[in-house]
Amino acid sequence: MSDDRAQGTDDRLAELTELVAALTEENRVAAARTEALTADVETGRRERDLLRAELAACREERDRLRLRLLDAELALAAGDVDGEAPKADATDAQRAQLAEHRASELARELSATRETVSWKVTKPLRAVRRKIGQS
């Protein structure tokens, strides 16, 4: 009977050893997967940061080009194609028309400036400055 008991204990010990070996292997595989996923996450974060930097540079370039375009449109509207001012012999009506056109161009430029990322980002700061100024 003690041989049966010893055999049962040996069988149970063999089962437990196999179970521990299987769990150890599963743990090793899980650790390898975790390490691979961690590396993938880091790669994704680096790519995200690079893309964000590139997006910011593109937005800055876009804003710079918008302002240059507005400057060019203003110059064309004012008849300042070659850097020359409007003619001195222009009539009052022409001057008034040019002034109105210049005012509308400035309004468009102001609108474009307010659409820039930097204007939108600094909006809360301007609000705080106004609140502080009112105190």
N, C-alpha and C. Protein backbone atom coordinates (compact mmCIF):
# COMPACT_ATOMS: atom_id res chain seq x y z
N MET A 1 0.80 -1.17 0.00
CA MET A 1 0.00 0.00 0.00
C MET A 1 0.85 1.25 0.00
N SER A 2 1.96 1.23 0.67
CA SER A 2 2.80 2.41 0.67
C SER A 2 3.43 2.60 -0.69
N ASP A 3 3.63 1.50 -1.45
CA ASP A 3 4.13 1.65 -2.82
C ASP A 3 3.09 2.35 -3.69
N ASP A 4 1.82 2.03 -3.47
CA ASP A 4 0.76 2.71 -4.23
C ASP A 4 0.72 4.19 -3.87
N ARG A 5 0.89 4.44 -2.62
CA ARG A 5 0.87 5.83 -2.15
C ARG A 5 2.07 6.58 -2.72
N ALA A 6 3.23 5.95 -2.70
CA ALA A 6 4.44 6.57 -3.24
C ALA A 6 4.30 6.78 -4.74
N GLN A 7 3.71 5.79 -5.41
CA GLN A 7 3.49 5.93 -6.86
C GLN A 7 2.54 7.08 -7.14
N GLY A 8 1.49 7.23 -6.35
CA GLY A 8 0.53 8.33 -6.51
C GLY A 8 1.21 9.68 -6.28
N THR A 9 2.07 9.72 -5.29
CA THR A 9 2.80 10.95 -5.00
C THR A 9 3.75 11.28 -6.14
N ASP A 10 4.43 10.25 -6.65
CA ASP A 10 5.34 10.47 -7.79
C ASP A 10 4.58 10.94 -9.03
N ASP A 11 3.41 10.34 -9.27
CA ASP A 11 2.59 10.76 -10.41
C ASP A 11 2.13 12.21 -10.25
N ARG A 12 1.70 12.54 -9.04
CA ARG A 12 1.25 13.92 -8.77
C ARG A 12 2.42 14.89 -8.93
N LEU A 13 3.58 14.47 -8.45
CA LEU A 13 4.78 15.31 -8.59
C LEU A 13 5.14 15.50 -10.06
N ALA A 14 5.02 14.46 -10.87
CA ALA A 14 5.31 14.56 -12.29
C ALA A 14 4.30 15.49 -12.98
N GLU A 15 3.02 15.39 -12.60
CA GLU A 15 2.00 16.28 -13.16
C GLU A 15 2.30 17.73 -12.82
N LEU A 16 2.64 17.95 -11.55
CA LEU A 16 2.93 19.32 -11.12
C LEU A 16 4.18 19.86 -11.79
N THR A 17 5.17 19.01 -12.00
CA THR A 17 6.40 19.44 -12.69
C THR A 17 6.09 19.83 -14.12
N GLU A 18 5.26 19.02 -14.79
CA GLU A 18 4.86 19.35 -16.16
C GLU A 18 4.06 20.66 -16.19
N LEU A 19 3.18 20.84 -15.22
CA LEU A 19 2.38 22.06 -15.15
C LEU A 19 3.28 23.29 -14.93
N VAL A 20 4.25 23.16 -14.04
CA VAL A 20 5.17 24.27 -13.79
C VAL A 20 5.98 24.56 -15.06
N ALA A 21 6.42 23.54 -15.76
CA ALA A 21 7.19 23.73 -16.99
C ALA A 21 6.32 24.44 -18.05
N ALA A 22 5.06 24.00 -18.16
CA ALA A 22 4.17 24.63 -19.14
C ALA A 22 3.91 26.10 -18.77
N LEU A 23 3.68 26.36 -17.50
CA LEU A 23 3.45 27.74 -17.06
C LEU A 23 4.70 28.60 -17.25
N THR A 24 5.85 28.02 -17.00
CA THR A 24 7.10 28.75 -17.20
C THR A 24 7.26 29.11 -18.67
N GLU A 25 6.95 28.20 -19.56
CA GLU A 25 7.04 28.47 -21.01
C GLU A 25 6.04 29.54 -21.41
N GLU A 26 4.80 29.44 -20.90
CA GLU A 26 3.79 30.45 -21.20
C GLU A 26 4.23 31.82 -20.69
N ASN A 27 4.83 31.84 -19.53
CA ASN A 27 5.32 33.09 -18.95
C ASN A 27 6.43 33.68 -19.82
N ARG A 28 7.32 32.84 -20.32
CA ARG A 28 8.42 33.30 -21.19
C ARG A 28 7.86 33.87 -22.49
N VAL A 29 6.86 33.18 -23.06
CA VAL A 29 6.25 33.65 -24.31
C VAL A 29 5.54 34.98 -24.06
N ALA A 30 4.81 35.08 -22.95
CA ALA A 30 4.11 36.32 -22.62
C ALA A 30 5.10 37.46 -22.41
N ALA A 31 6.22 37.18 -21.76
CA ALA A 31 7.23 38.21 -21.54
C ALA A 31 7.82 38.67 -22.88
N ALA A 32 8.05 37.74 -23.78
CA ALA A 32 8.58 38.11 -25.11
C ALA A 32 7.57 38.95 -25.87
N ARG A 33 6.31 38.57 -25.80
CA ARG A 33 5.27 39.35 -26.48
C ARG A 33 5.16 40.75 -25.87
N THR A 34 5.23 40.83 -24.56
CA THR A 34 5.17 42.12 -23.87
C THR A 34 6.33 43.01 -24.31
N GLU A 35 7.50 42.42 -24.38
CA GLU A 35 8.69 43.17 -24.81
C GLU A 35 8.53 43.67 -26.25
N ALA A 36 8.01 42.80 -27.12
CA ALA A 36 7.80 43.19 -28.51
C ALA A 36 6.75 44.30 -28.61
N LEU A 37 5.68 44.19 -27.85
CA LEU A 37 4.64 45.22 -27.86
C LEU A 37 5.17 46.55 -27.31
N THR A 38 5.98 46.47 -26.28
CA THR A 38 6.58 47.68 -25.72
C THR A 38 7.45 48.37 -26.76
N ALA A 39 8.22 47.58 -27.49
CA ALA A 39 9.06 48.16 -28.55
C ALA A 39 8.20 48.77 -29.64
N ASP A 40 7.10 48.11 -30.00
CA ASP A 40 6.19 48.66 -31.01
C ASP A 40 5.55 49.96 -30.54
N VAL A 41 5.18 50.02 -29.27
CA VAL A 41 4.58 51.24 -28.73
C VAL A 41 5.59 52.38 -28.77
N GLU A 42 6.82 52.12 -28.41
CA GLU A 42 7.87 53.15 -28.45
C GLU A 42 8.10 53.63 -29.87
N THR A 43 8.12 52.70 -30.81
CA THR A 43 8.28 53.08 -32.22
C THR A 43 7.11 53.95 -32.67
N GLY A 44 5.91 53.56 -32.29
CA GLY A 44 4.72 54.34 -32.62
C GLY A 44 4.77 55.74 -32.02
N ARG A 45 5.23 55.84 -30.78
CA ARG A 45 5.33 57.15 -30.13
C ARG A 45 6.37 58.04 -30.82
N ARG A 46 7.50 57.44 -31.21
CA ARG A 46 8.53 58.22 -31.92
C ARG A 46 7.97 58.72 -33.25
N GLU A 47 7.29 57.83 -33.98
CA GLU A 47 6.70 58.23 -35.26
C GLU A 47 5.65 59.32 -35.06
N ARG A 48 4.83 59.18 -34.01
CA ARG A 48 3.81 60.19 -33.71
C ARG A 48 4.46 61.55 -33.44
N ASP A 49 5.53 61.55 -32.64
CA ASP A 49 6.22 62.80 -32.32
C ASP A 49 6.83 63.43 -33.57
N LEU A 50 7.40 62.59 -34.42
CA LEU A 50 7.97 63.12 -35.67
C LEU A 50 6.88 63.70 -36.56
N LEU A 51 5.75 63.01 -36.65
CA LEU A 51 4.64 63.50 -37.47
C LEU A 51 4.06 64.79 -36.90
N ARG A 52 3.98 64.88 -35.57
CA ARG A 52 3.48 66.11 -34.96
C ARG A 52 4.42 67.28 -35.27
N ALA A 53 5.73 67.03 -35.19
CA ALA A 53 6.69 68.09 -35.51
C ALA A 53 6.57 68.50 -36.97
N GLU A 54 6.41 67.52 -37.84
CA GLU A 54 6.27 67.83 -39.27
C GLU A 54 4.97 68.60 -39.52
N LEU A 55 3.90 68.21 -38.84
CA LEU A 55 2.63 68.92 -38.98
C LEU A 55 2.76 70.37 -38.51
N ALA A 56 3.44 70.58 -37.39
CA ALA A 56 3.64 71.94 -36.90
C ALA A 56 4.43 72.76 -37.90
N ALA A 57 5.47 72.17 -38.48
CA ALA A 57 6.28 72.88 -39.48
C ALA A 57 5.42 73.21 -40.71
N CYS A 58 4.59 72.27 -41.13
CA CYS A 58 3.71 72.51 -42.28
C CYS A 58 2.71 73.62 -41.99
N ARG A 59 2.18 73.64 -40.79
CA ARG A 59 1.23 74.69 -40.43
C ARG A 59 1.91 76.06 -40.40
N GLU A 60 3.12 76.09 -39.87
CA GLU A 60 3.87 77.36 -39.86
C GLU A 60 4.12 77.83 -41.29
N GLU A 61 4.51 76.92 -42.15
CA GLU A 61 4.75 77.27 -43.55
C GLU A 61 3.46 77.75 -44.22
N ARG A 62 2.35 77.06 -43.94
CA ARG A 62 1.06 77.46 -44.49
C ARG A 62 0.71 78.88 -44.04
N ASP A 63 0.86 79.16 -42.75
CA ASP A 63 0.54 80.49 -42.23
C ASP A 63 1.45 81.55 -42.85
N ARG A 64 2.72 81.24 -43.00
CA ARG A 64 3.66 82.17 -43.62
C ARG A 64 3.26 82.44 -45.07
N LEU A 65 2.88 81.39 -45.80
CA LEU A 65 2.47 81.56 -47.19
C LEU A 65 1.16 82.34 -47.30
N ARG A 66 0.24 82.12 -46.37
CA ARG A 66 -1.00 82.88 -46.37
C ARG A 66 -0.72 84.37 -46.22
N LEU A 67 0.18 84.70 -45.29
CA LEU A 67 0.50 86.11 -45.08
C LEU A 67 1.19 86.71 -46.31
N ARG A 68 2.08 85.94 -46.93
CA ARG A 68 2.73 86.42 -48.15
C ARG A 68 1.70 86.63 -49.26
N LEU A 69 0.76 85.71 -49.38
CA LEU A 69 -0.29 85.85 -50.39
C LEU A 69 -1.13 87.10 -50.13
N LEU A 70 -1.49 87.32 -48.87
CA LEU A 70 -2.26 88.51 -48.54
C LEU A 70 -1.47 89.78 -48.85
N ASP A 71 -0.18 89.77 -48.54
CA ASP A 71 0.66 90.93 -48.87
C ASP A 71 0.67 91.17 -50.38
N ALA A 72 0.78 90.11 -51.14
CA ALA A 72 0.81 90.24 -52.60
C ALA A 72 -0.54 90.75 -53.11
N GLU A 73 -1.64 90.25 -52.54
CA GLU A 73 -2.95 90.72 -52.95
C GLU A 73 -3.14 92.19 -52.61
N LEU A 74 -2.65 92.59 -51.44
CA LEU A 74 -2.75 93.99 -51.05
C LEU A 74 -1.93 94.88 -51.99
N ALA A 75 -0.77 94.42 -52.35
CA ALA A 75 0.08 95.19 -53.26
C ALA A 75 -0.60 95.32 -54.62
N LEU A 76 -1.20 94.23 -55.10
CA LEU A 76 -1.90 94.30 -56.38
C LEU A 76 -3.11 95.22 -56.31
N ALA A 77 -3.84 95.13 -55.23
CA ALA A 77 -5.04 95.95 -55.08
C ALA A 77 -4.69 97.43 -55.00
N ALA A 78 -3.56 97.74 -54.41
CA ALA A 78 -3.17 99.14 -54.27
C ALA A 78 -2.46 99.65 -55.52
N GLY A 79 -2.27 98.80 -56.51
CA GLY A 79 -1.57 99.20 -57.72
C GLY A 79 -0.07 99.28 -57.51
N ASP A 80 0.39 98.64 -56.48
CA ASP A 80 1.81 98.68 -56.10
C ASP A 80 2.51 97.45 -56.63
N VAL A 81 2.40 97.21 -57.93
CA VAL A 81 2.95 96.00 -58.52
C VAL A 81 4.47 96.01 -58.49
N ASP A 82 5.08 97.14 -58.82
CA ASP A 82 6.54 97.21 -58.85
C ASP A 82 7.08 97.99 -57.66
N GLY A 83 6.31 98.09 -56.59
CA GLY A 83 6.78 98.80 -55.41
C GLY A 83 6.50 100.29 -55.49
N GLU A 84 5.70 100.72 -56.45
CA GLU A 84 5.41 102.14 -56.58
C GLU A 84 4.06 102.45 -55.93
N ALA A 85 3.95 103.62 -55.37
CA ALA A 85 2.73 104.05 -54.70
C ALA A 85 1.68 104.43 -55.73
N PRO A 86 0.42 104.52 -55.32
CA PRO A 86 -0.61 104.97 -56.26
C PRO A 86 -0.27 106.36 -56.81
N LYS A 87 -0.70 106.61 -57.99
CA LYS A 87 -0.35 107.86 -58.68
C LYS A 87 -0.91 109.07 -57.93
N ALA A 88 -0.13 110.15 -57.94
CA ALA A 88 -0.50 111.36 -57.21
C ALA A 88 -1.69 112.06 -57.84
N ASP A 89 -1.92 111.85 -59.11
CA ASP A 89 -3.00 112.55 -59.79
C ASP A 89 -4.33 111.81 -59.71
N ALA A 90 -4.42 110.82 -58.86
CA ALA A 90 -5.67 110.08 -58.71
C ALA A 90 -6.73 110.99 -58.12
N THR A 91 -7.95 110.81 -58.56
CA THR A 91 -9.06 111.64 -58.07
C THR A 91 -9.46 111.20 -56.68
N ASP A 92 -10.25 112.04 -56.03
CA ASP A 92 -10.73 111.70 -54.69
C ASP A 92 -11.55 110.42 -54.71
N ALA A 93 -12.34 110.23 -55.74
CA ALA A 93 -13.17 109.02 -55.85
C ALA A 93 -12.27 107.78 -55.96
N GLN A 94 -11.20 107.92 -56.75
CA GLN A 94 -10.28 106.78 -56.89
C GLN A 94 -9.57 106.51 -55.57
N ARG A 95 -9.17 107.59 -54.90
CA ARG A 95 -8.50 107.41 -53.60
C ARG A 95 -9.46 106.77 -52.59
N ALA A 96 -10.71 107.21 -52.60
CA ALA A 96 -11.69 106.63 -51.68
C ALA A 96 -11.91 105.16 -52.00
N GLN A 97 -11.97 104.84 -53.29
CA GLN A 97 -12.15 103.45 -53.70
C GLN A 97 -10.95 102.61 -53.27
N LEU A 98 -9.75 103.15 -53.47
CA LEU A 98 -8.54 102.44 -53.04
C LEU A 98 -8.52 102.25 -51.53
N ALA A 99 -8.95 103.29 -50.80
CA ALA A 99 -8.98 103.19 -49.34
C ALA A 99 -9.97 102.13 -48.89
N GLU A 100 -11.13 102.08 -49.52
CA GLU A 100 -12.12 101.04 -49.18
C GLU A 100 -11.59 99.66 -49.49
N HIS A 101 -10.93 99.56 -50.65
CA HIS A 101 -10.37 98.27 -51.04
C HIS A 101 -9.28 97.85 -50.06
N ARG A 102 -8.45 98.80 -49.66
CA ARG A 102 -7.37 98.53 -48.70
C ARG A 102 -7.98 98.09 -47.37
N ALA A 103 -9.05 98.75 -46.94
CA ALA A 103 -9.72 98.38 -45.69
C ALA A 103 -10.27 96.96 -45.76
N SER A 104 -10.87 96.60 -46.89
CA SER A 104 -11.40 95.23 -47.01
C SER A 104 -10.27 94.21 -47.05
N GLU A 105 -9.16 94.58 -47.68
CA GLU A 105 -8.00 93.66 -47.71
C GLU A 105 -7.43 93.49 -46.31
N LEU A 106 -7.35 94.58 -45.56
CA LEU A 106 -6.86 94.48 -44.19
C LEU A 106 -7.80 93.65 -43.33
N ALA A 107 -9.09 93.77 -43.57
CA ALA A 107 -10.06 92.94 -42.84
C ALA A 107 -9.86 91.47 -43.16
N ARG A 108 -9.60 91.15 -44.43
CA ARG A 108 -9.34 89.76 -44.81
C ARG A 108 -8.04 89.27 -44.18
N GLU A 109 -7.03 90.12 -44.15
CA GLU A 109 -5.76 89.74 -43.55
C GLU A 109 -5.93 89.48 -42.05
N LEU A 110 -6.70 90.33 -41.39
CA LEU A 110 -6.98 90.13 -39.97
C LEU A 110 -7.73 88.83 -39.76
N SER A 111 -8.69 88.55 -40.62
CA SER A 111 -9.44 87.30 -40.52
C SER A 111 -8.52 86.09 -40.71
N ALA A 112 -7.62 86.19 -41.69
CA ALA A 112 -6.68 85.08 -41.93
C ALA A 112 -5.74 84.91 -40.74
N THR A 113 -5.33 86.01 -40.14
CA THR A 113 -4.46 85.93 -38.96
C THR A 113 -5.18 85.24 -37.82
N ARG A 114 -6.47 85.56 -37.66
CA ARG A 114 -7.24 84.94 -36.58
C ARG A 114 -7.49 83.46 -36.84
N GLU A 115 -7.31 82.99 -38.05
CA GLU A 115 -7.48 81.58 -38.38
C GLU A 115 -6.19 80.78 -38.18
N THR A 116 -5.08 81.45 -37.88
CA THR A 116 -3.83 80.73 -37.72
C THR A 116 -3.83 79.94 -36.42
N VAL A 117 -3.01 78.93 -36.37
CA VAL A 117 -2.91 78.08 -35.19
C VAL A 117 -2.42 78.89 -34.00
N SER A 118 -1.41 79.73 -34.21
CA SER A 118 -0.87 80.49 -33.09
C SER A 118 -1.92 81.43 -32.49
N TRP A 119 -2.77 82.01 -33.32
CA TRP A 119 -3.82 82.90 -32.81
C TRP A 119 -4.80 82.10 -31.95
N LYS A 120 -5.17 80.92 -32.42
CA LYS A 120 -6.12 80.09 -31.69
C LYS A 120 -5.51 79.57 -30.38
N VAL A 121 -4.23 79.23 -30.43
CA VAL A 121 -3.57 78.69 -29.23
C VAL A 121 -3.43 79.77 -28.16
N THR A 122 -3.16 81.00 -28.56
CA THR A 122 -2.94 82.07 -27.58
C THR A 122 -4.23 82.76 -27.15
N LYS A 123 -5.38 82.33 -27.64
CA LYS A 123 -6.66 82.95 -27.28
C LYS A 123 -6.88 82.97 -25.77
N PRO A 124 -6.65 81.84 -25.06
CA PRO A 124 -6.85 81.88 -23.60
C PRO A 124 -5.93 82.89 -22.91
N LEU A 125 -4.72 83.04 -23.40
CA LEU A 125 -3.78 84.00 -22.80
C LEU A 125 -4.29 85.43 -22.98
N ARG A 126 -4.84 85.73 -24.14
CA ARG A 126 -5.37 87.08 -24.36
C ARG A 126 -6.57 87.33 -23.45
N ALA A 127 -7.40 86.32 -23.24
CA ALA A 127 -8.56 86.46 -22.36
C ALA A 127 -8.10 86.75 -20.93
N VAL A 128 -7.07 86.05 -20.48
CA VAL A 128 -6.54 86.28 -19.13
C VAL A 128 -5.98 87.70 -19.02
N ARG A 129 -5.27 88.14 -20.05
CA ARG A 129 -4.70 89.49 -20.03
C ARG A 129 -5.81 90.53 -19.94
N ARG A 130 -6.92 90.33 -20.68
CA ARG A 130 -8.03 91.27 -20.61
C ARG A 130 -8.64 91.28 -19.21
N LYS A 131 -8.79 90.10 -18.61
CA LYS A 131 -9.37 90.02 -17.27
C LYS A 131 -8.47 90.72 -16.25
N ILE A 132 -7.18 90.53 -16.38
CA ILE A 132 -6.24 91.17 -15.46
C ILE A 132 -6.27 92.68 -15.65
N GLY A 133 -6.38 93.12 -16.89
CA GLY A 133 -6.41 94.55 -17.19
C GLY A 133 -7.66 95.23 -16.65
N GLN A 134 -8.76 94.47 -16.51
CA GLN A 134 -10.02 95.04 -16.01
C GLN A 134 -10.01 95.18 -14.50
N SER A 135 -9.15 94.45 -13.82
CA SER A 135 -9.14 94.47 -12.34
C SER A 135 -8.66 95.80 -11.80
